[in-house]
Amino acid sequence: MSDTLAIDPTAVTDWFGTLGIEHTTPLRFDRIGLGQSNLTYLVRDADDRRWVLRRPPLGHLLASAHDVVREARIMAALADTDVPAPGILGVSHEPPMVLMEFIDGQVLDTMPIAESLTPQRRTAIGESLISTLAKIHAVDLDAVGLTDLASHKPYAQRQLKRWGGQWELSKTRELPALDDLTRRLVAAMPEQRELTLVHGDFHLRNVITSHDTGEVVGALDWELSTLGDPLADMGSMLAYWVEPGEDIGGDFPASALDGFPRRAELAKLYLEQTGRDAQALRYWHVLGLWKVAIIAEGVLRRAMDTPENKAAAGTPTVERIDSVVALAVRIADDAGI
């Protein structure tokens, strides 16, 4: 679908000319992906060459959120690393837009796609997610020029402050269970032992996988990336990873399908590859669920305020957000948090 409310086809076509990108007009723009944060478009020219365009969502934006220019800086810095990320072709500051290369592969963003895969392919994808995350956390910050990307202060404290504030700005109702969980997470903050690149939103829907092997060939959606504790990424991934019988996956409980590794298996693979601390990972799993609930509430708020931001995946429900918080509380209880 062409979304003229969010992009100006004529202006983007002119921009292509200033970037020196070979193309044949007219350009066509189709909204892709199921995200309701930054808006993403597949751009095709008359010869069917393809690119990807990103811009912020419509409506009221929270401070520091949806910064596509910053996101582009991070992806450009990863060009010569082992991390699979799209190449950056152009950055516009006003209006904020980023043009990047199109990576051909499969995005597992709907249940029919996930269900079409063999159990063996699902296993391969799960294992590649872990190795990709380990590559992200192994990036030499000095070598790629990202040492100044974000604060070097303790990451748990920064996350709790930022997302606690985000909750206050975007919540649609009072939720005492989440407020209590916030207090418990503050009281149990672990010592920060290292500082690495953190993706900030790493999960099954935010990668492109090979049609042939299931290997991750593109890590997407770097808008929440920062510097911090690498276990935060693994905790967030576990938070998104639904298991059979759970009701936190909304319209996408893909990871509960046969073949995808269980959360304990994913954690074991990551800890074996990186040598990081298993007990600290439990804290970050709880914090990951807490953050997922806050992000979902923000999506709900934006969809209520500006219906144009709704996407095909639908909008999170209050019931689903409450289920995520309830699971976080159970895991926190088990971990002694």
C-alpha atoms as a PDB file:
ATOM      1  CA  MET A   1       0.000   0.000   0.000  1.00  0.00           C
ATOM      2  CA  SER A   2       1.263   3.484  -0.794  1.00  0.00           C
ATOM      3  CA  ASP A   3       1.164   5.700   2.267  1.00  0.00           C
ATOM      4  CA  THR A   4       1.281   9.302   1.101  1.00  0.00           C
ATOM      5  CA  LEU A   5       0.588  10.497   4.655  1.00  0.00           C
ATOM      6  CA  ALA A   6       4.024   9.301   5.744  1.00  0.00           C
ATOM      7  CA  ILE A   7       6.233   9.842   2.675  1.00  0.00           C
ATOM      8  CA  ASP A   8       6.398  12.215  -0.271  1.00  0.00           C
ATOM      9  CA  PRO A   9       7.126  10.117  -3.423  1.00  0.00           C
ATOM     10  CA  THR A  10       8.333  13.134  -5.397  1.00  0.00           C
ATOM     11  CA  ALA A  11      10.716  14.274  -2.680  1.00  0.00           C
ATOM     12  CA  VAL A  12      12.120  10.761  -2.224  1.00  0.00           C
ATOM     13  CA  THR A  13      12.621  10.404  -5.983  1.00  0.00           C
ATOM     14  CA  ASP A  14      14.544  13.686  -6.010  1.00  0.00           C
ATOM     15  CA  TRP A  15      16.598  12.440  -3.056  1.00  0.00           C
ATOM     16  CA  PHE A  16      17.574   9.312  -5.004  1.00  0.00           C
ATOM     17  CA  GLY A  17      19.012  11.639  -7.639  1.00  0.00           C
ATOM     18  CA  THR A  18      21.159  13.521  -5.135  1.00  0.00           C
ATOM     19  CA  LEU A  19      22.489  10.208  -3.746  1.00  0.00           C
ATOM     20  CA  GLY A  20      23.649   9.153  -7.192  1.00  0.00           C
ATOM     21  CA  ILE A  21      21.720   5.877  -6.990  1.00  0.00           C
ATOM     22  CA  GLU A  22      20.988   4.407 -10.392  1.00  0.00           C
ATOM     23  CA  HIS A  23      17.229   4.052 -10.728  1.00  0.00           C
ATOM     24  CA  THR A  24      14.442   4.194 -13.277  1.00  0.00           C
ATOM     25  CA  THR A  25      11.328   6.180 -12.434  1.00  0.00           C
ATOM     26  CA  PRO A  26       8.651   5.917 -11.276  1.00  0.00           C
ATOM     27  CA  LEU A  27       9.512   4.664  -7.807  1.00  0.00           C
ATOM     28  CA  ARG A  28       6.894   2.594  -5.980  1.00  0.00           C
ATOM     29  CA  PHE A  29       6.491   2.512  -2.207  1.00  0.00           C
ATOM     30  CA  ASP A  30       4.905  -0.324  -0.225  1.00  0.00           C
ATOM     31  CA  ARG A  31       4.677  -0.502   3.551  1.00  0.00           C
ATOM     32  CA  ILE A  32       6.417  -3.652   4.749  1.00  0.00           C
ATOM     33  CA  GLY A  33       6.838  -5.353   8.068  1.00  0.00           C
ATOM     34  CA  LEU A  34       4.398  -5.504  10.936  1.00  0.00           C
ATOM     35  CA  GLY A  35       6.088  -2.966  13.168  1.00  0.00           C
ATOM     36  CA  GLN A  36       4.210  -0.001  14.588  1.00  0.00           C
ATOM     37  CA  SER A  37       7.304   1.953  15.537  1.00  0.00           C
ATOM     38  CA  ASN A  38       9.483   3.325  12.732  1.00  0.00           C
ATOM     39  CA  LEU A  39       7.681   2.963   9.391  1.00  0.00           C
ATOM     40  CA  THR A  40       9.415   0.798   6.792  1.00  0.00           C
ATOM     41  CA  TYR A  41       8.841   0.770   3.043  1.00  0.00           C
ATOM     42  CA  LEU A  42       9.999  -1.396   0.168  1.00  0.00           C
ATOM     43  CA  VAL A  43      11.041   0.925  -2.657  1.00  0.00           C
ATOM     44  CA  ARG A  44      11.032  -0.462  -6.206  1.00  0.00           C
ATOM     45  CA  ASP A  45      11.906   1.241  -9.453  1.00  0.00           C
ATOM     46  CA  ALA A  46      10.581   0.567 -12.962  1.00  0.00           C
ATOM     47  CA  ASP A  47      13.272  -2.122 -13.440  1.00  0.00           C
ATOM     48  CA  ASP A  48      12.289  -3.818 -10.163  1.00  0.00           C
ATOM     49  CA  ARG A  49      15.462  -2.873  -8.322  1.00  0.00           C
ATOM     50  CA  ARG A  50      14.742  -2.791  -4.608  1.00  0.00           C
ATOM     51  CA  TRP A  51      15.729  -0.736  -1.570  1.00  0.00           C
ATOM     52  CA  VAL A  52      14.348  -0.205   1.934  1.00  0.00           C
ATOM     53  CA  LEU A  53      13.310   3.187   3.353  1.00  0.00           C
ATOM     54  CA  ARG A  54      12.783   3.950   7.054  1.00  0.00           C
ATOM     55  CA  ARG A  55      11.156   6.986   8.681  1.00  0.00           C
ATOM     56  CA  PRO A  56       9.728   7.762  12.131  1.00  0.00           C
ATOM     57  CA  PRO A  57       6.061   7.050  12.899  1.00  0.00           C
ATOM     58  CA  LEU A  58       3.352   9.666  12.738  1.00  0.00           C
ATOM     59  CA  GLY A  59       1.952  11.417  15.783  1.00  0.00           C
ATOM     60  CA  HIS A  60       3.485  12.433  19.108  1.00  0.00           C
ATOM     61  CA  LEU A  61       6.982  11.025  19.660  1.00  0.00           C
ATOM     62  CA  LEU A  62       8.626  10.491  23.023  1.00  0.00           C
ATOM     63  CA  ALA A  63      12.043  12.072  23.481  1.00  0.00           C
ATOM     64  CA  SER A  64      14.913  10.062  21.903  1.00  0.00           C
ATOM     65  CA  ALA A  65      12.510   7.485  20.453  1.00  0.00           C
ATOM     66  CA  HIS A  66      12.404   6.540  16.768  1.00  0.00           C
ATOM     67  CA  ASP A  67      15.707   8.228  15.812  1.00  0.00           C
ATOM     68  CA  VAL A  68      16.329   6.743  12.362  1.00  0.00           C
ATOM     69  CA  VAL A  69      19.469   8.817  11.805  1.00  0.00           C
ATOM     70  CA  ARG A  70      21.101   7.372  14.924  1.00  0.00           C
ATOM     71  CA  GLU A  71      19.943   3.907  13.847  1.00  0.00           C
ATOM     72  CA  ALA A  72      21.677   4.420  10.497  1.00  0.00           C
ATOM     73  CA  ARG A  73      24.922   5.415  12.207  1.00  0.00           C
ATOM     74  CA  ILE A  74      24.954   2.129  14.108  1.00  0.00           C
ATOM     75  CA  MET A  75      24.272  -0.023  11.042  1.00  0.00           C
ATOM     76  CA  ALA A  76      26.907   1.843   9.010  1.00  0.00           C
ATOM     77  CA  ALA A  77      29.470   1.219  11.773  1.00  0.00           C
ATOM     78  CA  LEU A  78      28.832  -2.535  11.529  1.00  0.00           C
ATOM     79  CA  ALA A  79      29.681  -2.699   7.823  1.00  0.00           C
ATOM     80  CA  ASP A  80      33.103  -4.313   8.351  1.00  0.00           C
ATOM     81  CA  THR A  81      32.186  -6.574  11.280  1.00  0.00           C
ATOM     82  CA  ASP A  82      30.782 -10.103  11.467  1.00  0.00           C
ATOM     83  CA  VAL A  83      27.342  -8.718  12.324  1.00  0.00           C
ATOM     84  CA  PRO A  84      24.878  -9.127   9.432  1.00  0.00           C
ATOM     85  CA  ALA A  85      23.204  -5.732   9.026  1.00  0.00           C
ATOM     86  CA  PRO A  86      21.847  -3.863   5.978  1.00  0.00           C
ATOM     87  CA  GLY A  87      24.217  -1.438   4.265  1.00  0.00           C
ATOM     88  CA  ILE A  88      23.300   2.260   4.541  1.00  0.00           C
ATOM     89  CA  LEU A  89      22.928   4.103   1.218  1.00  0.00           C
ATOM     90  CA  GLY A  90      21.604   7.482   2.306  1.00  0.00           C
ATOM     91  CA  VAL A  91      20.566   9.515   5.349  1.00  0.00           C
ATOM     92  CA  SER A  92      18.236  12.528   5.317  1.00  0.00           C
ATOM     93  CA  HIS A  93      18.006  14.697   8.433  1.00  0.00           C
ATOM     94  CA  GLU A  94      15.042  16.823   7.363  1.00  0.00           C
ATOM     95  CA  PRO A  95      12.747  15.063   6.962  1.00  0.00           C
ATOM     96  CA  PRO A  96      14.409  12.167   8.848  1.00  0.00           C
ATOM     97  CA  MET A  97      14.710   9.194   6.479  1.00  0.00           C
ATOM     98  CA  VAL A  98      17.200   6.407   5.899  1.00  0.00           C
ATOM     99  CA  LEU A  99      17.730   4.437   2.696  1.00  0.00           C
ATOM    100  CA  MET A 100      19.359   1.034   2.992  1.00  0.00           C
ATOM    101  CA  GLU A 101      20.103  -1.993   0.900  1.00  0.00           C
ATOM    102  CA  PHE A 102      17.462  -4.658   0.406  1.00  0.00           C
ATOM    103  CA  ILE A 103      18.501  -8.045   1.805  1.00  0.00           C
ATOM    104  CA  ASP A 104      16.811 -10.965   0.088  1.00  0.00           C
ATOM    105  CA  GLY A 105      15.690 -13.571   2.586  1.00  0.00           C
ATOM    106  CA  GLN A 106      12.806 -14.666   4.757  1.00  0.00           C
ATOM    107  CA  VAL A 107      11.337 -12.650   7.615  1.00  0.00           C
ATOM    108  CA  LEU A 108       9.417 -14.808  10.078  1.00  0.00           C
ATOM    109  CA  ASP A 109       6.779 -12.249  10.963  1.00  0.00           C
ATOM    110  CA  THR A 110       3.563 -14.261  10.568  1.00  0.00           C
ATOM    111  CA  MET A 111       2.391 -17.620  11.834  1.00  0.00           C
ATOM    112  CA  PRO A 112       1.785 -19.049   8.320  1.00  0.00           C
ATOM    113  CA  ILE A 113       5.449 -18.429   7.470  1.00  0.00           C
ATOM    114  CA  ALA A 114       6.659 -19.985  10.727  1.00  0.00           C
ATOM    115  CA  GLU A 115       4.313 -22.947  10.289  1.00  0.00           C
ATOM    116  CA  SER A 116       5.591 -23.541   6.745  1.00  0.00           C
ATOM    117  CA  LEU A 117       9.083 -24.332   8.015  1.00  0.00           C
ATOM    118  CA  THR A 118      10.336 -27.796   8.913  1.00  0.00           C
ATOM    119  CA  PRO A 119      11.273 -28.434  12.551  1.00  0.00           C
ATOM    120  CA  GLN A 120      14.887 -28.742  11.401  1.00  0.00           C
ATOM    121  CA  ARG A 121      14.786 -25.273   9.825  1.00  0.00           C
ATOM    122  CA  ARG A 122      13.247 -23.822  13.002  1.00  0.00           C
ATOM    123  CA  THR A 123      16.083 -25.324  15.028  1.00  0.00           C
ATOM    124  CA  ALA A 124      18.665 -23.842  12.665  1.00  0.00           C
ATOM    125  CA  ILE A 125      17.060 -20.410  12.928  1.00  0.00           C
ATOM    126  CA  GLY A 126      16.989 -20.543  16.724  1.00  0.00           C
ATOM    127  CA  GLU A 127      20.648 -21.517  16.889  1.00  0.00           C
ATOM    128  CA  SER A 128      21.631 -18.800  14.395  1.00  0.00           C
ATOM    129  CA  LEU A 129      19.797 -16.176  16.467  1.00  0.00           C
ATOM    130  CA  ILE A 130      22.099 -17.010  19.359  1.00  0.00           C
ATOM    131  CA  SER A 131      25.296 -16.920  17.300  1.00  0.00           C
ATOM    132  CA  THR A 132      24.214 -13.592  15.772  1.00  0.00           C
ATOM    133  CA  LEU A 133      23.603 -12.116  19.208  1.00  0.00           C
ATOM    134  CA  ALA A 134      27.037 -13.312  20.324  1.00  0.00           C
ATOM    135  CA  LYS A 135      28.555 -11.536  17.277  1.00  0.00           C
ATOM    136  CA  ILE A 136      26.784  -8.297  18.181  1.00  0.00           C
ATOM    137  CA  HIS A 137      28.161  -8.472  21.707  1.00  0.00           C
ATOM    138  CA  ALA A 138      31.685  -9.159  20.399  1.00  0.00           C
ATOM    139  CA  VAL A 139      31.879  -5.923  18.342  1.00  0.00           C
ATOM    140  CA  ASP A 140      35.007  -3.878  19.152  1.00  0.00           C
ATOM    141  CA  LEU A 141      33.482  -0.513  20.069  1.00  0.00           C
ATOM    142  CA  ASP A 142      36.726   1.396  19.585  1.00  0.00           C
ATOM    143  CA  ALA A 143      37.399  -0.150  16.183  1.00  0.00           C
ATOM    144  CA  VAL A 144      33.958   0.738  14.775  1.00  0.00           C
ATOM    145  CA  GLY A 145      33.702   4.165  16.371  1.00  0.00           C
ATOM    146  CA  LEU A 146      30.748   3.500  18.664  1.00  0.00           C
ATOM    147  CA  THR A 147      32.396   4.121  22.030  1.00  0.00           C
ATOM    148  CA  ASP A 148      30.462   7.374  22.358  1.00  0.00           C
ATOM    149  CA  LEU A 149      27.113   5.922  21.251  1.00  0.00           C
ATOM    150  CA  ALA A 150      25.613   6.042  24.745  1.00  0.00           C
ATOM    151  CA  SER A 151      26.375   6.446  28.422  1.00  0.00           C
ATOM    152  CA  HIS A 152      28.832   4.074  30.114  1.00  0.00           C
ATOM    153  CA  LYS A 153      26.936   4.245  33.401  1.00  0.00           C
ATOM    154  CA  PRO A 154      25.421   1.028  34.824  1.00  0.00           C
ATOM    155  CA  TYR A 155      22.950  -0.241  32.245  1.00  0.00           C
ATOM    156  CA  ALA A 156      20.304  -1.690  34.550  1.00  0.00           C
ATOM    157  CA  GLN A 157      19.937   1.657  36.273  1.00  0.00           C
ATOM    158  CA  ARG A 158      19.652   3.446  32.920  1.00  0.00           C
ATOM    159  CA  GLN A 159      17.087   0.982  31.605  1.00  0.00           C
ATOM    160  CA  LEU A 160      14.922   1.186  34.696  1.00  0.00           C
ATOM    161  CA  LYS A 161      14.989   4.978  34.645  1.00  0.00           C
ATOM    162  CA  ARG A 162      14.304   5.258  30.914  1.00  0.00           C
ATOM    163  CA  TRP A 163      11.554   2.680  30.608  1.00  0.00           C
ATOM    164  CA  GLY A 164      10.001   3.593  33.939  1.00  0.00           C
ATOM    165  CA  GLY A 165       9.723   7.129  32.594  1.00  0.00           C
ATOM    166  CA  GLN A 166       8.408   5.831  29.283  1.00  0.00           C
ATOM    167  CA  TRP A 167       5.684   3.979  31.168  1.00  0.00           C
ATOM    168  CA  GLU A 168       4.584   7.136  32.932  1.00  0.00           C
ATOM    169  CA  LEU A 169       4.386   9.024  29.634  1.00  0.00           C
ATOM    170  CA  SER A 170       2.614   6.370  27.564  1.00  0.00           C
ATOM    171  CA  LYS A 171       0.504   4.250  29.931  1.00  0.00           C
ATOM    172  CA  THR A 172      -3.223   4.023  29.249  1.00  0.00           C
ATOM    173  CA  ARG A 173      -4.167   3.002  32.824  1.00  0.00           C
ATOM    174  CA  GLU A 174      -2.763   2.260  36.262  1.00  0.00           C
ATOM    175  CA  LEU A 175      -1.076  -1.154  36.668  1.00  0.00           C
ATOM    176  CA  PRO A 176       0.055  -1.754  40.281  1.00  0.00           C
ATOM    177  CA  ALA A 177       1.652  -5.140  39.420  1.00  0.00           C
ATOM    178  CA  LEU A 178       4.054  -3.425  37.020  1.00  0.00           C
ATOM    179  CA  ASP A 179       4.844  -0.678  39.522  1.00  0.00           C
ATOM    180  CA  ASP A 180       5.677  -3.315  42.146  1.00  0.00           C
ATOM    181  CA  LEU A 181       7.881  -5.185  39.652  1.00  0.00           C
ATOM    182  CA  THR A 182       9.719  -1.936  38.928  1.00  0.00           C
ATOM    183  CA  ARG A 183      10.513  -1.538  42.626  1.00  0.00           C
ATOM    184  CA  ARG A 184      11.787  -5.133  42.851  1.00  0.00           C
ATOM    185  CA  LEU A 185      14.019  -4.712  39.796  1.00  0.00           C
ATOM    186  CA  VAL A 186      15.504  -1.523  41.238  1.00  0.00           C
ATOM    187  CA  ALA A 187      16.267  -3.284  44.519  1.00  0.00           C
ATOM    188  CA  ALA A 188      17.920  -6.289  42.822  1.00  0.00           C
ATOM    189  CA  MET A 189      20.102  -4.497  40.237  1.00  0.00           C
ATOM    190  CA  PRO A 190      23.170  -6.638  39.417  1.00  0.00           C
ATOM    191  CA  GLU A 191      26.694  -5.281  39.221  1.00  0.00           C
ATOM    192  CA  GLN A 192      27.702  -4.319  35.683  1.00  0.00           C
ATOM    193  CA  ARG A 193      30.777  -6.298  34.672  1.00  0.00           C
ATOM    194  CA  GLU A 194      31.227  -5.273  31.030  1.00  0.00           C
ATOM    195  CA  LEU A 195      30.011  -2.812  28.409  1.00  0.00           C
ATOM    196  CA  THR A 196      29.157  -3.940  24.872  1.00  0.00           C
ATOM    197  CA  LEU A 197      26.977  -2.991  21.946  1.00  0.00           C
ATOM    198  CA  VAL A 198      23.391  -3.924  22.817  1.00  0.00           C
ATOM    199  CA  HIS A 199      20.835  -4.343  20.021  1.00  0.00           C
ATOM    200  CA  GLY A 200      17.934  -3.488  22.303  1.00  0.00           C
ATOM    201  CA  ASP A 201      15.135  -5.264  20.413  1.00  0.00           C
ATOM    202  CA  PHE A 202      16.490  -8.603  19.223  1.00  0.00           C
ATOM    203  CA  HIS A 203      13.850 -11.212  18.448  1.00  0.00           C
ATOM    204  CA  LEU A 204      12.518 -13.533  15.745  1.00  0.00           C
ATOM    205  CA  ARG A 205      10.627 -10.868  13.818  1.00  0.00           C
ATOM    206  CA  ASN A 206      13.601  -8.502  13.658  1.00  0.00           C
ATOM    207  CA  VAL A 207      15.913 -10.667  11.563  1.00  0.00           C
ATOM    208  CA  ILE A 208      16.090 -11.853   7.960  1.00  0.00           C
ATOM    209  CA  THR A 209      16.985 -15.524   7.507  1.00  0.00           C
ATOM    210  CA  SER A 210      18.416 -17.415   4.556  1.00  0.00           C
ATOM    211  CA  HIS A 211      15.884 -19.201   2.347  1.00  0.00           C
ATOM    212  CA  ASP A 212      18.388 -22.048   2.026  1.00  0.00           C
ATOM    213  CA  THR A 213      19.838 -22.609   5.505  1.00  0.00           C
ATOM    214  CA  GLY A 214      17.870 -20.579   8.054  1.00  0.00           C
ATOM    215  CA  GLU A 215      21.011 -18.642   8.984  1.00  0.00           C
ATOM    216  CA  VAL A 216      20.438 -15.030  10.019  1.00  0.00           C
ATOM    217  CA  VAL A 217      21.552 -12.848   7.072  1.00  0.00           C
ATOM    218  CA  GLY A 218      20.239  -9.534   8.376  1.00  0.00           C
ATOM    219  CA  ALA A 219      19.642  -8.067  11.841  1.00  0.00           C
ATOM    220  CA  LEU A 220      17.067  -5.277  11.654  1.00  0.00           C
ATOM    221  CA  ASP A 221      15.506  -2.520  13.782  1.00  0.00           C
ATOM    222  CA  TRP A 222      18.489  -0.986  15.584  1.00  0.00           C
ATOM    223  CA  GLU A 223      16.582   2.040  16.900  1.00  0.00           C
ATOM    224  CA  LEU A 224      16.847   0.930  20.537  1.00  0.00           C
ATOM    225  CA  SER A 225      20.507  -0.052  20.283  1.00  0.00           C
ATOM    226  CA  THR A 226      22.846   1.307  22.945  1.00  0.00           C
ATOM    227  CA  LEU A 227      25.870   0.428  25.066  1.00  0.00           C
ATOM    228  CA  GLY A 228      25.281  -1.717  28.102  1.00  0.00           C
ATOM    229  CA  ASP A 229      25.153  -5.180  29.603  1.00  0.00           C
ATOM    230  CA  PRO A 230      24.995  -7.827  26.833  1.00  0.00           C
ATOM    231  CA  LEU A 231      22.800 -10.051  28.983  1.00  0.00           C
ATOM    232  CA  ALA A 232      20.051  -7.457  28.536  1.00  0.00           C
ATOM    233  CA  ASP A 233      19.708  -8.521  24.892  1.00  0.00           C
ATOM    234  CA  MET A 234      19.524 -12.183  25.792  1.00  0.00           C
ATOM    235  CA  GLY A 235      16.986 -11.440  28.516  1.00  0.00           C
ATOM    236  CA  SER A 236      14.832  -9.524  26.044  1.00  0.00           C
ATOM    237  CA  MET A 237      15.034 -12.322  23.494  1.00  0.00           C
ATOM    238  CA  LEU A 238      13.893 -14.813  26.128  1.00  0.00           C
ATOM    239  CA  ALA A 239      11.074 -12.416  27.009  1.00  0.00           C
ATOM    240  CA  TYR A 240       9.767 -12.585  23.444  1.00  0.00           C
ATOM    241  CA  TRP A 241      10.274 -16.366  23.229  1.00  0.00           C
ATOM    242  CA  VAL A 242       6.888 -17.963  23.909  1.00  0.00           C
ATOM    243  CA  GLU A 243       6.667 -21.598  24.996  1.00  0.00           C
ATOM    244  CA  PRO A 244       3.761 -24.049  24.557  1.00  0.00           C
ATOM    245  CA  GLY A 245       0.792 -23.206  26.775  1.00  0.00           C
ATOM    246  CA  GLU A 246       1.692 -19.554  27.350  1.00  0.00           C
ATOM    247  CA  ASP A 247      -0.629 -16.711  26.322  1.00  0.00           C
ATOM    248  CA  ILE A 248       1.898 -13.871  26.007  1.00  0.00           C
ATOM    249  CA  GLY A 249       2.622 -14.155  22.290  1.00  0.00           C
ATOM    250  CA  GLY A 250      -0.365 -12.250  20.952  1.00  0.00           C
ATOM    251  CA  ASP A 251      -0.841 -13.092  17.293  1.00  0.00           C
ATOM    252  CA  PHE A 252       2.679 -14.584  17.017  1.00  0.00           C
ATOM    253  CA  PRO A 253       3.459 -17.519  19.348  1.00  0.00           C
ATOM    254  CA  ALA A 254       5.816 -18.922  16.675  1.00  0.00           C
ATOM    255  CA  SER A 255       8.568 -20.009  19.053  1.00  0.00           C
ATOM    256  CA  ALA A 256       6.170 -22.512  20.638  1.00  0.00           C
ATOM    257  CA  LEU A 257       6.178 -24.527  17.386  1.00  0.00           C
ATOM    258  CA  ASP A 258       7.987 -27.864  17.239  1.00  0.00           C
ATOM    259  CA  GLY A 259      11.660 -27.489  16.410  1.00  0.00           C
ATOM    260  CA  PHE A 260      12.333 -24.084  17.906  1.00  0.00           C
ATOM    261  CA  PRO A 261      14.603 -24.487  20.957  1.00  0.00           C
ATOM    262  CA  ARG A 262      13.071 -23.883  24.365  1.00  0.00           C
ATOM    263  CA  ARG A 263      14.194 -20.898  26.421  1.00  0.00           C
ATOM    264  CA  ALA A 264      16.493 -23.019  28.592  1.00  0.00           C
ATOM    265  CA  GLU A 265      18.215 -24.374  25.474  1.00  0.00           C
ATOM    266  CA  LEU A 266      18.714 -20.879  24.047  1.00  0.00           C
ATOM    267  CA  ALA A 267      20.146 -19.650  27.342  1.00  0.00           C
ATOM    268  CA  LYS A 268      22.515 -22.624  27.511  1.00  0.00           C
ATOM    269  CA  LEU A 269      23.750 -22.025  23.955  1.00  0.00           C
ATOM    270  CA  TYR A 270      24.388 -18.346  24.607  1.00  0.00           C
ATOM    271  CA  LEU A 271      26.137 -18.892  27.925  1.00  0.00           C
ATOM    272  CA  GLU A 272      28.323 -21.612  26.394  1.00  0.00           C
ATOM    273  CA  GLN A 273      29.331 -19.350  23.500  1.00  0.00           C
ATOM    274  CA  THR A 274      30.023 -16.276  25.617  1.00  0.00           C
ATOM    275  CA  GLY A 275      30.956 -17.541  29.086  1.00  0.00           C
ATOM    276  CA  ARG A 276      28.597 -15.074  30.760  1.00  0.00           C
ATOM    277  CA  ASP A 277      26.770 -15.445  34.083  1.00  0.00           C
ATOM    278  CA  ALA A 278      23.654 -17.627  34.267  1.00  0.00           C
ATOM    279  CA  GLN A 279      22.242 -16.080  37.447  1.00  0.00           C
ATOM    280  CA  ALA A 280      22.505 -12.545  36.082  1.00  0.00           C
ATOM    281  CA  LEU A 281      20.652 -13.693  32.967  1.00  0.00           C
ATOM    282  CA  ARG A 282      17.606 -14.522  35.103  1.00  0.00           C
ATOM    283  CA  TYR A 283      17.433 -10.897  36.272  1.00  0.00           C
ATOM    284  CA  TRP A 284      17.646  -9.662  32.687  1.00  0.00           C
ATOM    285  CA  HIS A 285      14.905 -12.063  31.609  1.00  0.00           C
ATOM    286  CA  VAL A 286      12.563 -10.471  34.150  1.00  0.00           C
ATOM    287  CA  LEU A 287      13.617  -6.975  33.118  1.00  0.00           C
ATOM    288  CA  GLY A 288      13.089  -8.006  29.491  1.00  0.00           C
ATOM    289  CA  LEU A 289       9.483  -8.994  30.169  1.00  0.00           C
ATOM    290  CA  TRP A 290       8.932  -5.774  32.114  1.00  0.00           C
ATOM    291  CA  LYS A 291      10.214  -3.800  29.137  1.00  0.00           C
ATOM    292  CA  VAL A 292       8.119  -5.784  26.633  1.00  0.00           C
ATOM    293  CA  ALA A 293       5.029  -4.850  28.635  1.00  0.00           C
ATOM    294  CA  ILE A 294       5.976  -1.162  28.585  1.00  0.00           C
ATOM    295  CA  ILE A 295       6.738  -1.209  24.852  1.00  0.00           C
ATOM    296  CA  ALA A 296       3.413  -2.909  24.143  1.00  0.00           C
ATOM    297  CA  GLU A 297       1.603  -0.291  26.210  1.00  0.00           C
ATOM    298  CA  GLY A 298       3.345   2.410  24.173  1.00  0.00           C
ATOM    299  CA  VAL A 299       2.198   0.791  20.926  1.00  0.00           C
ATOM    300  CA  LEU A 300      -1.331   0.645  22.308  1.00  0.00           C
ATOM    301  CA  ARG A 301      -1.180   4.325  23.261  1.00  0.00           C
ATOM    302  CA  ARG A 302       0.126   5.424  19.838  1.00  0.00           C
ATOM    303  CA  ALA A 303      -2.507   3.380  18.028  1.00  0.00           C
ATOM    304  CA  MET A 304      -5.196   4.987  20.175  1.00  0.00           C
ATOM    305  CA  ASP A 305      -3.820   8.490  19.576  1.00  0.00           C
ATOM    306  CA  THR A 306      -3.001   8.156  15.864  1.00  0.00           C
ATOM    307  CA  PRO A 307      -4.863   5.348  14.043  1.00  0.00           C
ATOM    308  CA  GLU A 308      -2.616   5.774  10.970  1.00  0.00           C
ATOM    309  CA  ASN A 309       0.178   4.070  12.934  1.00  0.00           C
ATOM    310  CA  LYS A 310      -1.737   0.790  13.142  1.00  0.00           C
ATOM    311  CA  ALA A 311      -0.198  -2.082  11.195  1.00  0.00           C
ATOM    312  CA  ALA A 312      -1.321  -5.485   9.999  1.00  0.00           C
ATOM    313  CA  ALA A 313      -0.217  -7.206  13.196  1.00  0.00           C
ATOM    314  CA  GLY A 314      -2.917  -5.399  15.110  1.00  0.00           C
ATOM    315  CA  THR A 315      -2.526  -3.667  18.446  1.00  0.00           C
ATOM    316  CA  PRO A 316      -1.524  -5.284  21.776  1.00  0.00           C
ATOM    317  CA  THR A 317      -4.411  -5.861  24.149  1.00  0.00           C
ATOM    318  CA  VAL A 318      -4.578  -4.954  27.822  1.00  0.00           C
ATOM    319  CA  GLU A 319      -5.033  -8.671  28.582  1.00  0.00           C
ATOM    320  CA  ARG A 320      -1.839  -9.627  26.771  1.00  0.00           C
ATOM    321  CA  ILE A 321       0.169  -6.894  28.499  1.00  0.00           C
ATOM    322  CA  ASP A 322      -1.157  -8.054  31.874  1.00  0.00           C
ATOM    323  CA  SER A 323      -0.123 -11.654  31.015  1.00  0.00           C
ATOM    324  CA  VAL A 324       3.427 -10.523  30.244  1.00  0.00           C
ATOM    325  CA  VAL A 325       3.629  -8.753  33.612  1.00  0.00           C
ATOM    326  CA  ALA A 326       2.239 -11.833  35.402  1.00  0.00           C
ATOM    327  CA  LEU A 327       4.896 -14.073  33.817  1.00  0.00           C
ATOM    328  CA  ALA A 328       7.614 -11.610  34.822  1.00  0.00           C
ATOM    329  CA  VAL A 329       6.381 -11.703  38.414  1.00  0.00           C
ATOM    330  CA  ARG A 330       6.452 -15.531  38.456  1.00  0.00           C
ATOM    331  CA  ILE A 331       9.993 -15.668  37.096  1.00  0.00           C
ATOM    332  CA  ALA A 332      11.099 -12.963  39.550  1.00  0.00           C
ATOM    333  CA  ASP A 333       9.632 -14.991  42.417  1.00  0.00           C
ATOM    334  CA  ASP A 334      11.492 -18.116  41.274  1.00  0.00           C
ATOM    335  CA  ALA A 335      14.755 -16.176  40.907  1.00  0.00           C
ATOM    336  CA  GLY A 336      14.461 -14.574  44.323  1.00  0.00           C
ATOM    337  CA  ILE A 337      14.178 -11.071  42.900  1.00  0.00           C
END
